[in-house]
């Protein structure tokens, strides 16, 4: 499959990506990821290995689109729930300070 990453054309195949990533230890995942084989890799690590370019030269979206088209499972940023808020700023401050103890 022909794709463009960081303004450069690449001919990528699923088997080629699998071969390129063989023996590469996954880094810690802090954002988007791609599952290759039985391992999950950060998308920027995959892009760096398959394109041999610096991670700053391409976006995660470019690599995610290419990996999705090749049939790899991609995961986006994890969704975090919105923090719970007290209905009243005074209640929030009291909760942070702790409830008063009876004397």
Protein backbone atom coordinates (compact mmCIF):
# COMPACT_ATOMS: atom_id res chain seq x y z
CA UNK A 1 0.00 0.00 0.00
CA UNK A 2 1.32 3.42 -0.89
CA UNK A 3 1.05 6.08 1.81
CA UNK A 4 2.61 9.44 2.56
CA UNK A 5 4.18 10.07 5.95
CA UNK A 6 5.96 13.37 6.62
CA UNK A 7 5.61 14.30 2.92
CA UNK A 8 7.55 11.18 1.83
CA UNK A 9 5.92 8.28 -0.06
CA UNK A 10 6.24 4.78 1.38
CA UNK A 11 5.22 1.37 0.05
CA UNK A 12 4.07 -0.46 3.17
CA UNK A 13 2.79 -3.99 3.55
CA UNK A 14 1.45 -5.70 6.63
CA UNK A 15 4.14 -8.37 6.42
CA UNK A 16 6.82 -5.69 5.99
CA UNK A 17 5.66 -3.87 9.12
CA UNK A 18 5.59 -7.15 11.07
CA UNK A 19 9.13 -7.93 9.92
CA UNK A 20 10.38 -4.41 10.78
CA UNK A 21 8.92 -4.56 14.28
CA UNK A 22 10.19 -8.08 15.01
CA UNK A 23 12.56 -7.96 17.97
CA UNK A 24 11.72 -4.34 18.83
CA UNK A 25 10.88 -3.88 22.50
CA UNK A 26 7.76 -1.73 23.04
CA UNK A 27 8.24 1.53 24.89
CA UNK A 28 5.82 2.76 27.54
CA UNK A 29 2.49 3.74 26.00
CA UNK A 30 1.33 7.22 26.95
CA UNK A 31 -0.92 8.00 23.99
CA UNK A 32 -2.05 6.35 20.79
CA UNK A 33 -0.89 2.80 20.16
CA UNK A 34 -0.78 0.10 17.50
CA UNK A 35 -1.07 -3.61 18.17
CA UNK A 36 1.46 -5.49 16.08
CA UNK A 37 1.58 -9.21 16.63
CA UNK A 38 0.82 -9.66 20.31
CA UNK A 39 2.40 -6.41 21.47
CA UNK A 40 1.14 -2.86 21.73
CA UNK A 41 3.57 -0.19 20.57
CA UNK A 42 3.37 3.60 20.82
CA UNK A 43 2.41 4.88 17.38
CA UNK A 44 5.42 7.22 17.20
CA UNK A 45 7.79 4.30 17.88
CA UNK A 46 6.22 2.33 15.03
CA UNK A 47 6.48 5.32 12.70
CA UNK A 48 10.13 5.82 13.57
CA UNK A 49 11.00 2.17 12.91
CA UNK A 50 9.11 1.76 9.62
CA UNK A 51 10.06 5.13 8.11
CA UNK A 52 13.54 5.53 9.66
CA UNK A 53 12.65 9.17 10.30
CA UNK A 54 12.83 11.21 13.47
CA UNK A 55 9.59 11.17 15.48
CA UNK A 56 9.33 14.94 15.22
CA UNK A 57 9.04 14.72 11.42
CA UNK A 58 5.61 13.05 11.30
CA UNK A 59 2.34 13.09 13.20
CA UNK A 60 0.75 10.21 15.06
CA UNK A 61 -2.30 10.62 12.83
CA UNK A 62 -0.31 9.88 9.68
CA UNK A 63 0.97 6.61 11.10
CA UNK A 64 -2.42 5.67 12.59
CA UNK A 65 -4.10 6.11 9.20
CA UNK A 66 -1.47 3.95 7.49
CA UNK A 67 -1.60 1.21 10.14
CA UNK A 68 -5.42 1.17 10.08
CA UNK A 69 -5.44 0.79 6.28
CA UNK A 70 -3.01 -2.12 6.61
CA UNK A 71 -5.39 -3.83 9.04
CA UNK A 72 -3.63 -3.30 12.35
CA UNK A 73 -5.65 -2.55 15.49
CA UNK A 74 -5.06 1.02 16.61
CA UNK A 75 -6.05 2.63 19.87
CA UNK A 76 -6.52 6.35 20.40
CA UNK A 77 -5.82 8.42 23.46
CA UNK A 78 -7.38 6.93 26.60
CA UNK A 79 -10.44 8.80 27.74
CA UNK A 80 -10.30 10.07 31.27
CA UNK A 81 -13.47 10.91 33.15
CA UNK A 82 -14.06 14.52 34.05
CA UNK A 83 -13.05 15.28 37.63
CA UNK A 84 -15.90 15.41 40.10
CA UNK A 85 -16.64 18.88 41.35
CA UNK A 86 -18.33 19.98 44.52
CA UNK A 87 -21.43 22.03 43.84
CA UNK A 88 -20.18 24.85 46.07
CA UNK A 89 -16.60 26.24 46.34
CA UNK A 90 -16.98 26.34 50.13
CA UNK A 91 -17.88 22.65 50.22
CA UNK A 92 -14.90 21.88 47.99
CA UNK A 93 -12.52 23.77 50.28
CA UNK A 94 -13.99 22.04 53.35
CA UNK A 95 -13.53 18.65 51.70
CA UNK A 96 -9.88 19.46 50.94
CA UNK A 97 -9.24 20.49 54.55
CA UNK A 98 -11.09 17.53 56.00
CA UNK A 99 -14.21 17.39 58.11
CA UNK A 100 -13.94 18.92 61.59
CA UNK A 101 -13.74 16.42 64.43
CA UNK A 102 -16.06 16.71 67.43
CA UNK A 103 -14.50 17.91 70.70
